[in-house]
Amino acid sequence: MIENLITGFAAAFTLTNLLFIAAGILLGIVIGALPGLGSVTALAVLIPLTYYMSPISAIAFLVGINKGGTSGGAVPAILLNSPGTPEAAATALDGNPMARRGEPVRAMKFALYSSVTGDMISDVLLIVLVVPFAAIALQFGPLEYTAVLLFAFALLSGVSGDNPLKALIAIFAGIFLSTIGLDPIDSSPRMTFGNINLYDGLPLTALAIGSLALASVVEQIFDMRRDGVDSGYVNQGARENRALPVREFLTYWKTILRSSMIGSLVGMLPGLGVTLAAFLSYGQAKRASNKLDSFGTGNPEGIVATEAANSAVVGSNLVPTIALGIPGNIAAALLIGAFIIHGIVPGPFMLTMHGDVIYALFASMIIANFFHLCLGRMGISVWGHVARLPKWAVLPPILTLCIAGVYLPGQSGFDVAVMLVFAVVGLAMRRTGFPIVCLVIGFLLGDMFETSLRQAMLLYSSTPGAVFRSPIAIGFFGLAIFILGRAVVRK
């Protein structure tokens, strides 16, 4: 393997390939910072540009976009409390409070360094464990996925806000909203009311941006009109509050390692996604900390946990893609399309038939992390200038970007209307103490939860005792019950 990796570095370390990697990282960061777009949209739009590239340059360019886009969503989450990507909503929980107390540059540095570190750990695990861990993913069936998702919901409800009941209500409201559209089993319409726009269900981008970003913008406009104060959007802070020594960052090494492992494990299991990794990691960091009350008020550990985890998914989701031909998430599914365009068929024979390209891809991913660190660090000084702008100058462009981000992918006025409706819903949830993030996560994972639950019921309807023959399912069901019970007792 070492010889193959050395050969891969030799193939990847060309001027053309390095330029494409840098361009991918830069495009990913910029697009990820725009609310509603993100790396998935960037990949879908830019894949046709790779038709005339060499396979190595094309895949490296797309992987660079994915890496940069995943971390780019943290920028508006920290500075504007408007997550550029769904997983960045977890970063906003502590990133924005930290920025508002005068440490936006430090918060962005925590996010960048954690993202690069988690990404690097994930890439190393991808290279070392691509074959053996693919076998573990094959052990997960519908029952195991149902148990994992219930565990995720229980964990999310236990760490989101002070009221687990409100969090659970928000989660299952999101799951309920995800059932709108065509039934995944028999394709019969459900709650569409004859509107053809609802046949594909409610648009995730419109729901997420409306309830998270636009609701935040509207609330701040109301607060600004009420208080009559319009200073800089966030205080950039004194110069001593902008530095982040390496020694201080490394004090969070336990959180970095734990979050990177959580993100890598989630990425290796097809379909779970980046957002789940971010919130699972945030919950585990909160549970392991002896400063529970500091989370949500600007604790750097919250930023470190979420950014290390969601970036760790980028590398590990290629494990099932390369070893089994099964995409780990939407971004991996788009990468499969790019592989096929260049004559590479993902699956068990990928490493033997196209080993030169795959190991060059591994080398390109390692190289991309250094570009990510350098370009991201240079960009922090640029993004930091946003902190000096007054609210009246910042909020209208955010509003425009929200509308553009929802309208442009499908050019649908219906999506904009859905966003406006959920802006009202999000504002109402903010005022009543229901966690909006739980609604979005419930909606995001609702379709997967329904499908796995119904498949499990069909498989085991005649033998309910089969549940107890799956150690994986028993373990996750037990953890879910324990977490909910502990949250209720503590409340």
Protein backbone atom coordinates (compact mmCIF):
# COMPACT_ATOMS: atom_id res chain seq x y z
CA MET A 1 0.00 0.00 0.00
CA ILE A 2 2.87 2.40 0.81
CA GLU A 3 4.34 1.94 -2.66
CA ASN A 4 0.94 2.65 -4.23
CA LEU A 5 0.54 5.77 -2.08
CA ILE A 6 4.00 7.05 -3.08
CA THR A 7 3.07 6.52 -6.72
CA GLY A 8 -0.21 8.34 -6.07
CA PHE A 9 1.64 11.36 -4.64
CA ALA A 10 3.90 11.40 -7.70
CA ALA A 11 0.86 11.45 -9.99
CA ALA A 12 -1.01 14.04 -7.92
CA PHE A 13 1.91 16.42 -7.35
CA THR A 14 1.74 18.17 -10.72
CA LEU A 15 1.19 21.88 -11.31
CA THR A 16 -2.13 21.31 -13.10
CA ASN A 17 -3.49 19.07 -10.36
CA LEU A 18 -2.37 21.45 -7.60
CA LEU A 19 -4.07 24.38 -9.32
CA PHE A 20 -7.32 22.45 -9.64
CA ILE A 21 -7.16 21.42 -5.97
CA ALA A 22 -6.63 25.03 -4.90
CA ALA A 23 -9.44 26.24 -7.16
CA GLY A 24 -11.79 23.60 -5.76
CA ILE A 25 -11.00 24.55 -2.14
CA LEU A 26 -11.46 28.26 -2.86
CA LEU A 27 -14.73 27.79 -4.74
CA GLY A 28 -16.02 25.46 -2.02
CA ILE A 29 -15.31 27.96 0.78
CA VAL A 30 -16.95 30.84 -1.09
CA ILE A 31 -20.02 28.87 -2.17
CA GLY A 32 -20.37 27.20 1.24
CA ALA A 33 -20.48 30.65 2.83
CA LEU A 34 -23.54 31.61 0.76
CA PRO A 35 -26.75 30.56 2.56
CA GLY A 36 -28.67 27.89 0.67
CA LEU A 37 -25.95 26.79 -1.72
CA GLY A 38 -23.25 24.64 -0.13
CA SER A 39 -20.95 21.98 -1.51
CA VAL A 40 -23.71 19.74 -2.90
CA THR A 41 -25.07 22.50 -5.12
CA ALA A 42 -21.54 23.42 -6.18
CA LEU A 43 -20.74 19.82 -7.08
CA ALA A 44 -23.94 19.43 -9.09
CA VAL A 45 -23.27 22.62 -11.05
CA LEU A 46 -19.53 22.13 -11.64
CA ILE A 47 -19.36 18.42 -12.52
CA PRO A 48 -19.93 19.20 -16.24
CA LEU A 49 -16.77 21.36 -16.18
CA THR A 50 -14.72 18.23 -15.45
CA TYR A 51 -15.61 16.47 -18.72
CA TYR A 52 -12.37 17.57 -20.38
CA MET A 53 -10.10 17.19 -17.36
CA SER A 54 -7.96 14.16 -16.62
CA PRO A 55 -9.60 11.75 -14.14
CA ILE A 56 -7.16 12.63 -11.35
CA SER A 57 -7.58 16.40 -11.75
CA ALA A 58 -11.34 16.14 -12.10
CA ILE A 59 -11.90 14.07 -8.95
CA ALA A 60 -9.36 16.13 -6.98
CA PHE A 61 -11.12 19.35 -8.06
CA LEU A 62 -14.51 18.01 -6.93
CA VAL A 63 -13.16 16.67 -3.64
CA GLY A 64 -11.61 20.10 -3.01
CA ILE A 65 -15.02 21.71 -3.52
CA ASN A 66 -16.56 19.27 -1.07
CA LYS A 67 -13.89 19.96 1.56
CA GLY A 68 -14.07 23.74 1.23
CA GLY A 69 -17.86 23.83 1.07
CA THR A 70 -18.25 21.83 4.27
CA SER A 71 -16.13 24.28 6.30
CA GLY A 72 -17.30 27.39 4.42
CA GLY A 73 -20.76 27.12 5.95
CA ALA A 74 -19.25 27.97 9.34
CA VAL A 75 -18.42 31.53 8.25
CA PRO A 76 -21.98 32.96 8.10
CA ALA A 77 -22.98 30.71 11.00
CA ILE A 78 -20.39 32.41 13.22
CA LEU A 79 -20.59 35.97 11.93
CA LEU A 80 -24.26 36.26 11.02
CA ASN A 81 -25.99 33.37 12.81
CA SER A 82 -27.13 32.28 9.34
CA PRO A 83 -25.71 28.79 8.65
CA GLY A 84 -24.48 28.46 5.08
CA THR A 85 -25.07 24.69 5.24
CA PRO A 86 -27.42 22.60 7.46
CA GLU A 87 -24.56 21.07 9.47
CA ALA A 88 -23.24 24.56 10.27
CA ALA A 89 -26.35 25.14 12.39
CA ALA A 90 -24.53 23.24 15.14
CA THR A 91 -21.51 25.53 14.75
CA ALA A 92 -23.76 28.57 15.16
CA LEU A 93 -24.85 27.40 18.63
CA ASP A 94 -21.53 28.53 20.13
CA GLY A 95 -19.86 30.28 17.20
CA ASN A 96 -22.24 33.21 16.99
CA PRO A 97 -22.34 33.89 20.77
CA MET A 98 -18.53 33.83 20.73
CA ALA A 99 -18.49 36.33 17.85
CA ARG A 100 -20.97 38.61 19.60
CA ARG A 101 -18.81 38.88 22.67
CA GLY A 102 -15.96 40.23 20.53
CA GLU A 103 -14.11 37.10 19.32
CA PRO A 104 -15.30 36.47 15.74
CA VAL A 105 -11.77 35.96 14.38
CA ARG A 106 -10.90 33.45 17.11
CA ALA A 107 -14.16 31.62 16.49
CA MET A 108 -13.39 31.33 12.76
CA LYS A 109 -9.88 30.12 13.54
CA PHE A 110 -11.24 27.44 15.86
CA ALA A 111 -13.62 26.37 13.09
CA LEU A 112 -10.93 26.30 10.38
CA TYR A 113 -8.27 24.49 12.40
CA SER A 114 -10.77 21.92 13.69
CA SER A 115 -12.13 21.37 10.19
CA VAL A 116 -8.68 20.78 8.68
CA THR A 117 -7.61 18.51 11.56
CA GLY A 118 -10.78 16.41 11.43
CA ASP A 119 -10.50 16.19 7.66
CA MET A 120 -6.89 15.01 7.84
CA ILE A 121 -7.70 12.33 10.44
CA SER A 122 -10.59 11.15 8.29
CA ASP A 123 -8.42 10.96 5.17
CA VAL A 124 -5.84 8.84 6.99
CA LEU A 125 -8.58 6.51 8.23
CA LEU A 126 -9.96 6.28 4.69
CA ILE A 127 -6.59 5.14 3.36
CA VAL A 128 -5.95 2.63 6.15
CA LEU A 129 -9.45 1.24 6.78
CA VAL A 130 -11.23 1.46 3.44
CA VAL A 131 -11.52 -2.32 3.01
CA PRO A 132 -12.13 -3.67 6.56
CA PHE A 133 -14.61 -0.98 7.58
CA ALA A 134 -16.64 -1.49 4.42
CA ALA A 135 -17.50 -4.94 5.78
CA ILE A 136 -18.94 -3.38 8.95
CA ALA A 137 -21.26 -1.16 6.92
CA LEU A 138 -22.72 -4.27 5.31
CA GLN A 139 -23.96 -5.43 8.74
CA PHE A 140 -26.40 -2.51 8.98
CA GLY A 141 -29.90 -3.35 7.82
CA PRO A 142 -33.22 -1.50 8.22
CA LEU A 143 -33.53 -2.44 11.91
CA GLU A 144 -30.03 -1.19 12.74
CA TYR A 145 -30.59 2.08 10.87
CA THR A 146 -33.85 2.61 12.75
CA ALA A 147 -32.05 2.09 16.06
CA VAL A 148 -29.22 4.47 15.10
CA LEU A 149 -31.68 7.19 14.08
CA LEU A 150 -33.73 6.82 17.28
CA PHE A 151 -30.50 7.11 19.24
CA ALA A 152 -29.64 10.26 17.29
CA PHE A 153 -33.07 11.77 18.00
CA ALA A 154 -32.77 10.95 21.69
CA LEU A 155 -29.29 12.47 21.89
CA LEU A 156 -30.38 15.59 20.03
CA SER A 157 -33.37 16.10 22.31
CA GLY A 158 -31.15 15.70 25.34
CA VAL A 159 -28.70 18.44 24.35
CA SER A 160 -30.94 20.95 22.54
CA GLY A 161 -32.26 23.49 24.98
CA ASP A 162 -33.46 23.04 28.54
CA ASN A 163 -36.67 21.18 27.73
CA PRO A 164 -36.30 17.66 26.25
CA LEU A 165 -40.05 17.46 25.64
CA LYS A 166 -40.06 20.55 23.44
CA ALA A 167 -37.05 19.19 21.58
CA LEU A 168 -38.81 15.85 20.95
CA ILE A 169 -41.94 17.65 19.77
CA ALA A 170 -39.85 19.68 17.32
CA ILE A 171 -38.05 16.54 16.06
CA PHE A 172 -41.24 14.62 15.39
CA ALA A 173 -42.85 17.69 13.85
CA GLY A 174 -39.95 17.66 11.40
CA ILE A 175 -40.45 13.93 10.76
CA PHE A 176 -44.15 14.58 10.15
CA LEU A 177 -43.37 17.34 7.64
CA SER A 178 -40.99 14.97 5.83
CA THR A 179 -43.91 12.62 5.05
CA ILE A 180 -45.49 15.22 2.74
CA GLY A 181 -45.17 14.09 -0.86
CA LEU A 182 -45.19 10.71 -2.59
CA ASP A 183 -45.13 7.63 -0.40
CA PRO A 184 -41.66 6.01 -0.73
CA ILE A 185 -43.19 2.51 -0.88
CA ASP A 186 -46.21 2.76 -3.19
CA SER A 187 -45.79 6.33 -4.56
CA SER A 188 -49.26 7.44 -3.49
CA PRO A 189 -49.55 11.19 -2.75
CA ARG A 190 -49.75 12.19 0.91
CA MET A 191 -50.93 15.60 2.11
CA THR A 192 -50.22 17.21 -1.26
CA PHE A 193 -53.72 18.73 -1.53
CA GLY A 194 -53.53 18.44 -5.30
CA ASN A 195 -50.48 20.72 -5.51
CA ILE A 196 -47.93 19.21 -7.88
CA ASN A 197 -45.12 21.19 -6.21
CA LEU A 198 -45.59 19.05 -3.11
CA TYR A 199 -45.18 15.71 -4.89
CA ASP A 200 -41.44 15.79 -4.16
CA GLY A 201 -42.08 16.94 -0.60
CA LEU A 202 -41.20 20.22 1.03
CA PRO A 203 -37.84 21.56 -0.19
CA LEU A 204 -35.17 21.10 2.48
CA THR A 205 -33.26 24.23 1.49
CA ALA A 206 -36.35 26.42 1.78
CA LEU A 207 -37.31 24.94 5.14
CA ALA A 208 -33.80 25.20 6.60
CA ILE A 209 -33.01 28.70 5.36
CA GLY A 210 -36.46 30.00 6.25
CA SER A 211 -36.53 28.65 9.80
CA LEU A 212 -32.84 29.17 10.63
CA ALA A 213 -31.45 32.10 8.63
CA LEU A 214 -34.43 34.20 7.56
CA ALA A 215 -36.14 33.91 10.95
CA SER A 216 -32.93 35.14 12.55
CA VAL A 217 -32.78 38.10 10.13
CA VAL A 218 -36.41 39.05 10.80
CA GLU A 219 -35.92 38.80 14.55
CA GLN A 220 -32.86 41.04 14.40
CA ILE A 221 -34.72 43.59 12.29
CA PHE A 222 -37.48 43.68 14.91
CA ASP A 223 -34.92 44.02 17.71
CA MET A 224 -33.10 46.80 15.86
CA ARG A 225 -36.34 48.75 15.35
CA ARG A 226 -37.30 48.26 18.99
CA ASP A 227 -33.92 49.12 20.53
CA GLY A 228 -32.84 51.71 18.00
CA VAL A 229 -29.21 50.47 18.17
CA ASP A 230 -27.23 49.84 15.01
CA SER A 231 -23.59 49.31 15.84
CA GLY A 232 -21.36 46.86 14.02
CA TYR A 233 -22.99 43.51 13.36
CA VAL A 234 -20.55 41.86 15.73
CA ASN A 235 -17.72 43.46 17.64
CA GLN A 236 -14.45 42.42 16.04
CA GLY A 237 -12.76 42.65 19.41
CA ALA A 238 -9.37 43.77 20.59
CA ARG A 239 -6.25 42.50 18.85
CA GLU A 240 -5.43 40.16 21.73
CA ASN A 241 -8.84 38.52 21.25
CA ARG A 242 -8.01 37.54 17.67
CA ALA A 243 -4.99 35.32 18.28
CA LEU A 244 -5.29 31.56 18.67
CA PRO A 245 -1.97 29.97 19.72
CA VAL A 246 -1.44 26.39 18.60
CA ARG A 247 -0.91 25.38 22.23
CA GLU A 248 -4.36 26.68 23.17
CA PHE A 249 -6.00 24.90 20.23
CA LEU A 250 -4.31 21.62 21.16
CA THR A 251 -5.81 21.76 24.66
CA TYR A 252 -8.97 20.49 22.95
CA TRP A 253 -7.22 17.42 21.53
CA LYS A 254 -9.61 14.99 23.23
CA THR A 255 -12.61 16.69 21.66
CA ILE A 256 -10.88 16.81 18.28
CA LEU A 257 -10.08 13.08 18.32
CA ARG A 258 -13.50 12.06 19.63
CA SER A 259 -15.36 14.25 17.13
CA SER A 260 -13.19 13.11 14.23
CA MET A 261 -13.93 9.48 15.10
CA ILE A 262 -17.67 10.19 15.37
CA GLY A 263 -17.66 11.96 12.02
CA SER A 264 -15.61 9.19 10.41
CA LEU A 265 -17.92 6.47 11.74
CA VAL A 266 -21.05 8.31 10.58
CA GLY A 267 -19.47 8.88 7.17
CA MET A 268 -18.69 5.19 6.75
CA LEU A 269 -22.36 4.27 7.24
CA PRO A 270 -24.21 5.07 4.01
CA GLY A 271 -26.97 7.65 4.20
CA LEU A 272 -26.52 9.14 7.67
CA GLY A 273 -25.01 12.41 6.49
CA VAL A 274 -22.90 15.32 7.68
CA THR A 275 -25.58 17.04 9.76
CA LEU A 276 -26.12 14.02 11.98
CA ALA A 277 -22.37 13.79 12.61
CA ALA A 278 -22.19 17.45 13.64
CA PHE A 279 -25.01 17.20 16.18
CA LEU A 280 -23.95 13.82 17.54
CA SER A 281 -20.48 15.19 18.13
CA TYR A 282 -21.82 18.36 19.73
CA GLY A 283 -23.96 16.26 22.06
CA GLN A 284 -21.06 14.03 23.04
CA ALA A 285 -18.82 17.04 23.69
CA LYS A 286 -21.50 18.53 25.91
CA ARG A 287 -22.00 15.28 27.80
CA ALA A 288 -18.25 14.85 28.35
CA SER A 289 -17.71 18.42 29.55
CA ASN A 290 -17.81 19.56 33.16
CA LYS A 291 -19.02 22.99 31.98
CA LEU A 292 -22.46 22.14 30.63
CA ASP A 293 -23.84 25.63 31.17
CA SER A 294 -21.15 27.18 28.97
CA PHE A 295 -22.41 25.42 25.83
CA GLY A 296 -24.60 27.70 23.76
CA THR A 297 -22.95 30.79 25.24
CA GLY A 298 -19.73 30.79 23.19
CA ASN A 299 -17.76 27.75 24.31
CA PRO A 300 -14.98 27.06 21.76
CA GLU A 301 -15.35 23.33 22.44
CA GLY A 302 -18.75 23.42 20.74
CA ILE A 303 -17.17 24.85 17.58
CA VAL A 304 -14.30 22.35 17.69
CA ALA A 305 -16.65 19.38 18.11
CA THR A 306 -18.99 20.23 15.25
CA GLU A 307 -16.39 21.34 12.71
CA ALA A 308 -14.06 18.39 13.34
CA ALA A 309 -16.97 15.97 12.96
CA ASN A 310 -18.63 17.38 9.85
CA SER A 311 -15.31 17.67 8.02
CA ALA A 312 -14.35 14.13 9.03
CA VAL A 313 -17.36 12.87 7.08
CA VAL A 314 -15.87 14.21 3.82
CA GLY A 315 -13.13 11.60 3.71
CA SER A 316 -14.84 8.69 5.39
CA ASN A 317 -17.96 8.78 3.20
CA LEU A 318 -15.76 7.57 0.36
CA VAL A 319 -15.24 4.26 2.20
CA PRO A 320 -18.56 2.70 1.08
CA THR A 321 -18.27 4.58 -2.23
CA ILE A 322 -14.92 3.06 -3.16
CA ALA A 323 -15.26 -0.37 -1.53
CA LEU A 324 -18.93 -1.09 -2.23
CA GLY A 325 -20.10 1.41 -4.83
CA ILE A 326 -22.64 2.73 -2.31
CA PRO A 327 -22.59 6.53 -1.79
CA GLY A 328 -22.21 7.62 1.81
CA ASN A 329 -24.21 10.81 1.21
CA ILE A 330 -25.42 13.11 -1.59
CA ALA A 331 -21.96 14.51 -2.23
CA ALA A 332 -20.56 10.99 -2.57
CA ALA A 333 -23.40 10.12 -4.95
CA LEU A 334 -22.41 13.05 -7.17
CA LEU A 335 -18.78 11.92 -7.02
CA ILE A 336 -19.89 8.47 -8.24
CA GLY A 337 -21.36 10.21 -11.27
CA ALA A 338 -18.02 11.93 -11.85
CA PHE A 339 -16.20 8.59 -11.52
CA ILE A 340 -18.47 7.01 -14.12
CA ILE A 341 -18.04 9.97 -16.48
CA HIS A 342 -14.32 9.25 -16.49
CA GLY A 343 -14.73 5.51 -17.00
CA ILE A 344 -14.24 4.42 -13.39
CA VAL A 345 -16.95 2.13 -12.00
CA PRO A 346 -17.15 2.27 -8.18
CA GLY A 347 -17.36 -1.06 -6.42
CA PRO A 348 -15.34 -3.95 -5.04
CA PHE A 349 -12.99 -4.04 -8.06
CA MET A 350 -12.27 -0.33 -8.05
CA LEU A 351 -8.98 -0.58 -6.18
CA THR A 352 -7.66 -3.39 -8.38
CA MET A 353 -8.79 -2.00 -11.75
CA HIS A 354 -8.17 1.71 -11.12
CA GLY A 355 -5.71 1.64 -8.23
CA ASP A 356 -3.51 4.35 -9.79
CA VAL A 357 -6.39 6.84 -9.90
CA ILE A 358 -7.67 5.95 -6.42
CA TYR A 359 -4.29 6.32 -4.73
CA ALA A 360 -3.71 9.57 -6.62
CA LEU A 361 -7.09 10.65 -5.23
CA PHE A 362 -5.94 9.74 -1.71
CA ALA A 363 -2.78 11.80 -2.23
CA SER A 364 -4.80 14.72 -3.60
CA MET A 365 -7.03 14.66 -0.52
CA ILE A 366 -4.00 14.93 1.78
CA ILE A 367 -2.56 17.77 -0.31
CA ALA A 368 -5.95 19.53 -0.35
CA ASN A 369 -5.89 19.79 3.46
CA PHE A 370 -2.77 21.99 3.31
CA PHE A 371 -4.39 24.22 0.67
CA HIS A 372 -7.49 24.33 2.84
CA LEU A 373 -5.49 25.54 5.83
CA CYS A 374 -3.60 28.22 3.87
CA LEU A 375 -6.53 29.57 1.83
CA GLY A 376 -8.89 29.39 4.78
CA ARG A 377 -6.44 31.28 7.00
CA MET A 378 -6.03 33.99 4.36
CA GLY A 379 -9.79 34.26 4.02
CA ILE A 380 -10.40 34.84 7.73
CA SER A 381 -9.01 38.37 7.47
CA VAL A 382 -11.39 39.03 4.58
CA TRP A 383 -14.44 37.58 6.31
CA GLY A 384 -13.53 39.46 9.47
CA HIS A 385 -14.34 42.77 7.78
CA VAL A 386 -18.00 41.74 7.79
CA ALA A 387 -17.90 42.21 11.54
CA ARG A 388 -17.33 45.95 11.14
CA LEU A 389 -20.42 46.57 9.04
CA PRO A 390 -23.58 47.95 10.68
CA LYS A 391 -26.70 45.81 10.74
CA TRP A 392 -28.55 48.01 8.28
CA ALA A 393 -25.81 47.23 5.73
CA VAL A 394 -25.55 43.49 6.50
CA LEU A 395 -29.14 42.34 6.95
CA PRO A 396 -30.54 43.31 3.49
CA PRO A 397 -27.79 41.40 1.59
CA ILE A 398 -28.40 38.38 3.83
CA LEU A 399 -32.11 38.60 3.01
CA THR A 400 -31.28 38.79 -0.70
CA LEU A 401 -28.89 35.83 -0.48
CA CYS A 402 -31.52 33.77 1.33
CA ILE A 403 -34.06 34.40 -1.42
CA ALA A 404 -31.50 33.80 -4.18
CA GLY A 405 -30.19 30.64 -2.52
CA VAL A 406 -33.68 29.16 -2.41
CA TYR A 407 -34.86 30.35 -5.82
CA LEU A 408 -31.84 29.66 -8.04
CA PRO A 409 -31.41 25.85 -7.69
CA GLY A 410 -34.94 25.07 -8.93
CA GLN A 411 -36.02 28.56 -10.11
CA SER A 412 -39.24 28.02 -8.20
CA GLY A 413 -41.35 30.75 -6.64
CA PHE A 414 -43.07 28.01 -4.62
CA ASP A 415 -39.78 27.32 -2.81
CA VAL A 416 -39.51 31.01 -1.89
CA ALA A 417 -43.06 30.92 -0.53
CA VAL A 418 -42.20 27.86 1.58
CA MET A 419 -39.16 29.71 2.91
CA LEU A 420 -41.30 32.68 3.95
CA VAL A 421 -43.80 30.41 5.71
CA PHE A 422 -41.05 28.69 7.68
CA ALA A 423 -39.48 32.05 8.53
CA VAL A 424 -42.71 32.76 10.43
CA VAL A 425 -42.64 29.26 11.94
CA GLY A 426 -39.00 29.72 12.97
CA LEU A 427 -39.71 33.11 14.54
CA ALA A 428 -42.62 31.63 16.50
CA MET A 429 -40.43 28.72 17.68
CA ARG A 430 -37.71 31.12 18.80
CA ARG A 431 -40.20 33.09 20.89
CA THR A 432 -41.76 29.96 22.46
CA GLY A 433 -38.55 28.08 23.27
CA PHE A 434 -38.84 25.24 20.73
CA PRO A 435 -35.41 24.42 19.21
CA ILE A 436 -35.53 25.10 15.47
CA VAL A 437 -32.52 22.88 14.84
CA CYS A 438 -34.50 19.87 16.06
CA LEU A 439 -37.23 20.61 13.50
CA VAL A 440 -34.69 20.80 10.68
CA ILE A 441 -32.85 17.62 11.73
CA GLY A 442 -36.13 15.74 12.13
CA PHE A 443 -37.14 16.82 8.62
CA LEU A 444 -33.72 15.99 7.17
CA LEU A 445 -33.65 12.46 8.61
CA GLY A 446 -37.40 11.83 8.52
CA ASP A 447 -37.48 10.16 5.12
CA MET A 448 -34.65 7.79 6.05
CA PHE A 449 -36.27 7.05 9.40
CA GLU A 450 -39.65 6.27 7.83
CA THR A 451 -38.15 4.06 5.13
CA SER A 452 -35.94 2.06 7.51
CA LEU A 453 -38.76 1.70 10.06
CA ARG A 454 -41.27 0.45 7.48
CA GLN A 455 -38.73 -1.93 5.96
CA ALA A 456 -37.93 -3.31 9.42
CA MET A 457 -41.63 -3.78 10.16
CA LEU A 458 -42.13 -5.64 6.88
CA LEU A 459 -39.11 -7.85 7.52
CA TYR A 460 -39.87 -8.68 11.15
CA SER A 461 -43.66 -8.32 11.41
CA SER A 462 -44.13 -12.06 11.94
CA THR A 463 -41.16 -12.40 14.33
CA PRO A 464 -40.96 -9.40 16.68
CA GLY A 465 -38.36 -11.27 18.74
CA ALA A 466 -35.89 -10.84 15.87
CA VAL A 467 -35.10 -7.42 17.32
CA PHE A 468 -33.26 -9.12 20.17
CA ARG A 469 -31.06 -11.06 17.74
CA SER A 470 -29.32 -7.88 16.60
CA PRO A 471 -26.68 -6.72 19.12
CA ILE A 472 -26.21 -3.48 17.19
CA ALA A 473 -29.92 -2.61 17.36
CA ILE A 474 -30.17 -3.59 21.06
CA GLY A 475 -27.16 -1.39 21.88
CA PHE A 476 -28.53 1.70 20.15
CA PHE A 477 -32.08 1.20 21.49
CA GLY A 478 -30.63 0.88 24.99
CA LEU A 479 -28.56 4.05 24.57
CA ALA A 480 -31.60 5.96 23.34
CA ILE A 481 -33.66 4.91 26.37
CA PHE A 482 -30.80 5.73 28.73
CA ILE A 483 -30.26 9.21 27.27
CA LEU A 484 -33.97 10.09 27.37
CA GLY A 485 -34.30 8.80 30.91
CA ARG A 486 -31.25 10.76 32.05
CA ALA A 487 -32.52 13.94 30.41
CA VAL A 488 -35.90 13.60 32.12
CA VAL A 489 -34.31 12.93 35.53
CA ARG A 490 -31.94 15.89 35.20
CA LYS A 491 -34.82 18.13 34.17
